[in-house]
Amino acid sequence: MRTKEDILPECPVAITVSLIGSKWKLLIMRNLLGRPWRFNELQKSIEGISQKALTEALRSMEADGIVRRTAYPEVPPRVEYSLTELGESMRPIIKAMEAWGNDYKAQAAGK
């Protein structure tokens, strides 16, 4: 998690955007709201994301305390990603975005 207050913007909205503002991070969080996912599952489920982009997003979200990476001592190795308590606290925001998107889609279809 970020520890230096001076690296965070003053504006609370800007803080949120800096943590989850990329389209990939939001889509990763959308998936992780349901259950833990493995890396390859996430990559296959998010159309257009590259391995590099997914790796960078997951590492950033883990460093910010939003995502938890769990490595199981098995052969072959198994790694799962899940939301932390902080990540789970974003659930109402992502659900509100989902509802707004559905409303917009319905209105656009009715035009």
C-alpha atoms as a PDB file:
ATOM      1  CA  MET A   1       0.000   0.000   0.000  1.00  0.00           C
ATOM      2  CA  ARG A   2       1.234   3.493  -0.693  1.00  0.00           C
ATOM      3  CA  THR A   3       2.718   4.922   2.433  1.00  0.00           C
ATOM      4  CA  LYS A   4       3.878   8.436   1.583  1.00  0.00           C
ATOM      5  CA  GLU A   5       1.101  10.987   1.814  1.00  0.00           C
ATOM      6  CA  ASP A   6       3.022  13.337  -0.466  1.00  0.00           C
ATOM      7  CA  ILE A   7       2.687  10.971  -3.463  1.00  0.00           C
ATOM      8  CA  LEU A   8      -1.107  10.980  -3.295  1.00  0.00           C
ATOM      9  CA  PRO A   9      -3.077  13.800  -4.911  1.00  0.00           C
ATOM     10  CA  GLU A  10      -4.963  16.240  -2.690  1.00  0.00           C
ATOM     11  CA  CYS A  11      -8.325  15.497  -4.325  1.00  0.00           C
ATOM     12  CA  PRO A  12     -10.044  12.295  -3.085  1.00  0.00           C
ATOM     13  CA  VAL A  13     -11.456  11.591  -6.560  1.00  0.00           C
ATOM     14  CA  ALA A  14      -7.958  11.893  -8.022  1.00  0.00           C
ATOM     15  CA  ILE A  15      -6.690   9.420  -5.416  1.00  0.00           C
ATOM     16  CA  THR A  16      -9.320   6.892  -6.478  1.00  0.00           C
ATOM     17  CA  VAL A  17      -8.540   7.431 -10.154  1.00  0.00           C
ATOM     18  CA  SER A  18      -4.821   6.990  -9.499  1.00  0.00           C
ATOM     19  CA  LEU A  19      -5.475   3.640  -7.809  1.00  0.00           C
ATOM     20  CA  ILE A  20      -8.074   2.082 -10.125  1.00  0.00           C
ATOM     21  CA  GLY A  21      -8.423   4.509 -13.009  1.00  0.00           C
ATOM     22  CA  SER A  22      -7.200   2.316 -15.836  1.00  0.00           C
ATOM     23  CA  LYS A  23      -9.745   0.286 -17.748  1.00  0.00           C
ATOM     24  CA  TRP A  24      -7.747  -2.870 -17.048  1.00  0.00           C
ATOM     25  CA  LYS A  25      -7.772  -2.398 -13.284  1.00  0.00           C
ATOM     26  CA  LEU A  26     -11.516  -1.871 -13.237  1.00  0.00           C
ATOM     27  CA  LEU A  27     -12.128  -4.981 -15.333  1.00  0.00           C
ATOM     28  CA  ILE A  28      -9.783  -7.028 -13.150  1.00  0.00           C
ATOM     29  CA  MET A  29     -11.637  -5.837 -10.054  1.00  0.00           C
ATOM     30  CA  ARG A  30     -14.981  -6.612 -11.699  1.00  0.00           C
ATOM     31  CA  ASN A  31     -13.869 -10.223 -12.104  1.00  0.00           C
ATOM     32  CA  LEU A  32     -12.310 -10.522  -8.657  1.00  0.00           C
ATOM     33  CA  LEU A  33     -15.552  -9.366  -7.010  1.00  0.00           C
ATOM     34  CA  GLY A  34     -16.960 -12.803  -7.770  1.00  0.00           C
ATOM     35  CA  ARG A  35     -14.135 -15.110  -6.696  1.00  0.00           C
ATOM     36  CA  PRO A  36     -10.358 -15.582  -6.770  1.00  0.00           C
ATOM     37  CA  TRP A  37      -8.933 -16.002 -10.273  1.00  0.00           C
ATOM     38  CA  ARG A  38      -5.756 -17.458 -11.708  1.00  0.00           C
ATOM     39  CA  PHE A  39      -3.610 -15.346 -14.040  1.00  0.00           C
ATOM     40  CA  ASN A  40      -4.486 -17.212 -17.247  1.00  0.00           C
ATOM     41  CA  GLU A  41      -8.196 -17.154 -16.405  1.00  0.00           C
ATOM     42  CA  LEU A  42      -8.073 -13.387 -15.979  1.00  0.00           C
ATOM     43  CA  GLN A  43      -6.182 -12.902 -19.225  1.00  0.00           C
ATOM     44  CA  LYS A  44      -8.661 -15.029 -21.192  1.00  0.00           C
ATOM     45  CA  SER A  45     -11.665 -13.277 -19.634  1.00  0.00           C
ATOM     46  CA  ILE A  46     -10.526  -9.703 -20.358  1.00  0.00           C
ATOM     47  CA  GLU A  47     -10.620  -9.145 -24.092  1.00  0.00           C
ATOM     48  CA  GLY A  48      -7.643  -7.248 -25.446  1.00  0.00           C
ATOM     49  CA  ILE A  49      -5.409  -7.307 -22.366  1.00  0.00           C
ATOM     50  CA  SER A  50      -1.823  -8.376 -22.954  1.00  0.00           C
ATOM     51  CA  GLN A  51       0.183 -10.510 -20.566  1.00  0.00           C
ATOM     52  CA  LYS A  52       2.400  -7.497 -19.835  1.00  0.00           C
ATOM     53  CA  ALA A  53      -0.532  -5.174 -19.100  1.00  0.00           C
ATOM     54  CA  LEU A  54      -2.171  -7.747 -16.817  1.00  0.00           C
ATOM     55  CA  THR A  55       1.085  -8.374 -14.958  1.00  0.00           C
ATOM     56  CA  GLU A  56       1.696  -4.645 -14.468  1.00  0.00           C
ATOM     57  CA  ALA A  57      -1.875  -3.987 -13.312  1.00  0.00           C
ATOM     58  CA  LEU A  58      -1.851  -6.887 -10.837  1.00  0.00           C
ATOM     59  CA  ARG A  59       1.541  -5.867  -9.408  1.00  0.00           C
ATOM     60  CA  SER A  60       0.393  -2.267  -9.025  1.00  0.00           C
ATOM     61  CA  MET A  61      -2.865  -3.293  -7.376  1.00  0.00           C
ATOM     62  CA  GLU A  62      -1.007  -5.655  -5.052  1.00  0.00           C
ATOM     63  CA  ALA A  63       1.439  -2.878  -4.084  1.00  0.00           C
ATOM     64  CA  ASP A  64      -1.524  -0.566  -3.372  1.00  0.00           C
ATOM     65  CA  GLY A  65      -3.171  -3.169  -1.130  1.00  0.00           C
ATOM     66  CA  ILE A  66      -6.170  -3.781  -3.410  1.00  0.00           C
ATOM     67  CA  VAL A  67      -5.283  -7.278  -4.629  1.00  0.00           C
ATOM     68  CA  ARG A  68      -3.850 -10.250  -2.767  1.00  0.00           C
ATOM     69  CA  ARG A  69      -1.574 -12.717  -4.566  1.00  0.00           C
ATOM     70  CA  THR A  70      -1.609 -16.196  -3.044  1.00  0.00           C
ATOM     71  CA  ALA A  71       0.978 -18.722  -4.206  1.00  0.00           C
ATOM     72  CA  TYR A  72       0.270 -22.346  -3.295  1.00  0.00           C
ATOM     73  CA  PRO A  73       3.241 -24.695  -2.757  1.00  0.00           C
ATOM     74  CA  GLU A  74       2.154 -27.246  -5.335  1.00  0.00           C
ATOM     75  CA  VAL A  75       3.637 -28.816  -8.436  1.00  0.00           C
ATOM     76  CA  PRO A  76       2.901 -27.282 -10.835  1.00  0.00           C
ATOM     77  CA  PRO A  77       2.763 -23.975  -8.932  1.00  0.00           C
ATOM     78  CA  ARG A  78      -0.658 -22.370  -8.542  1.00  0.00           C
ATOM     79  CA  VAL A  79      -1.175 -18.650  -7.972  1.00  0.00           C
ATOM     80  CA  GLU A  80      -4.534 -16.988  -7.338  1.00  0.00           C
ATOM     81  CA  TYR A  81      -5.500 -13.345  -7.154  1.00  0.00           C
ATOM     82  CA  SER A  82      -8.283 -12.060  -4.931  1.00  0.00           C
ATOM     83  CA  LEU A  83      -9.437  -8.754  -3.524  1.00  0.00           C
ATOM     84  CA  THR A  84      -8.246  -7.602  -0.140  1.00  0.00           C
ATOM     85  CA  GLU A  85     -10.610  -5.949   2.317  1.00  0.00           C
ATOM     86  CA  LEU A  86      -9.631  -2.614   0.760  1.00  0.00           C
ATOM     87  CA  GLY A  87     -10.407  -3.983  -2.712  1.00  0.00           C
ATOM     88  CA  GLU A  88     -13.746  -5.329  -1.492  1.00  0.00           C
ATOM     89  CA  SER A  89     -14.625  -1.852  -0.240  1.00  0.00           C
ATOM     90  CA  MET A  90     -14.805  -0.815  -3.926  1.00  0.00           C
ATOM     91  CA  ARG A  91     -17.759  -3.182  -4.514  1.00  0.00           C
ATOM     92  CA  PRO A  92     -20.474  -0.473  -4.222  1.00  0.00           C
ATOM     93  CA  ILE A  93     -18.604   1.777  -6.649  1.00  0.00           C
ATOM     94  CA  ILE A  94     -18.169  -0.939  -9.262  1.00  0.00           C
ATOM     95  CA  LYS A  95     -21.790  -2.060  -8.828  1.00  0.00           C
ATOM     96  CA  ALA A  96     -22.923   1.558  -9.305  1.00  0.00           C
ATOM     97  CA  MET A  97     -20.848   1.723 -12.506  1.00  0.00           C
ATOM     98  CA  GLU A  98     -22.484  -1.514 -13.668  1.00  0.00           C
ATOM     99  CA  ALA A  99     -25.978  -0.137 -12.994  1.00  0.00           C
ATOM    100  CA  TRP A 100     -25.169   3.131 -14.779  1.00  0.00           C
ATOM    101  CA  GLY A 101     -23.790   1.219 -17.770  1.00  0.00           C
ATOM    102  CA  ASN A 102     -26.919  -0.916 -17.955  1.00  0.00           C
ATOM    103  CA  ASP A 103     -29.139   2.188 -17.791  1.00  0.00           C
ATOM    104  CA  TYR A 104     -27.129   3.906 -20.508  1.00  0.00           C
ATOM    105  CA  LYS A 105     -27.235   0.818 -22.709  1.00  0.00           C
ATOM    106  CA  ALA A 106     -31.022   0.573 -22.280  1.00  0.00           C
ATOM    107  CA  GLN A 107     -31.489   4.260 -23.134  1.00  0.00           C
ATOM    108  CA  ALA A 108     -29.222   4.000 -26.159  1.00  0.00           C
ATOM    109  CA  ALA A 109     -31.177   0.991 -27.408  1.00  0.00           C
ATOM    110  CA  GLY A 110     -34.429   2.927 -27.031  1.00  0.00           C
ATOM    111  CA  LYS A 111     -33.327   5.841 -29.224  1.00  0.00           C
END
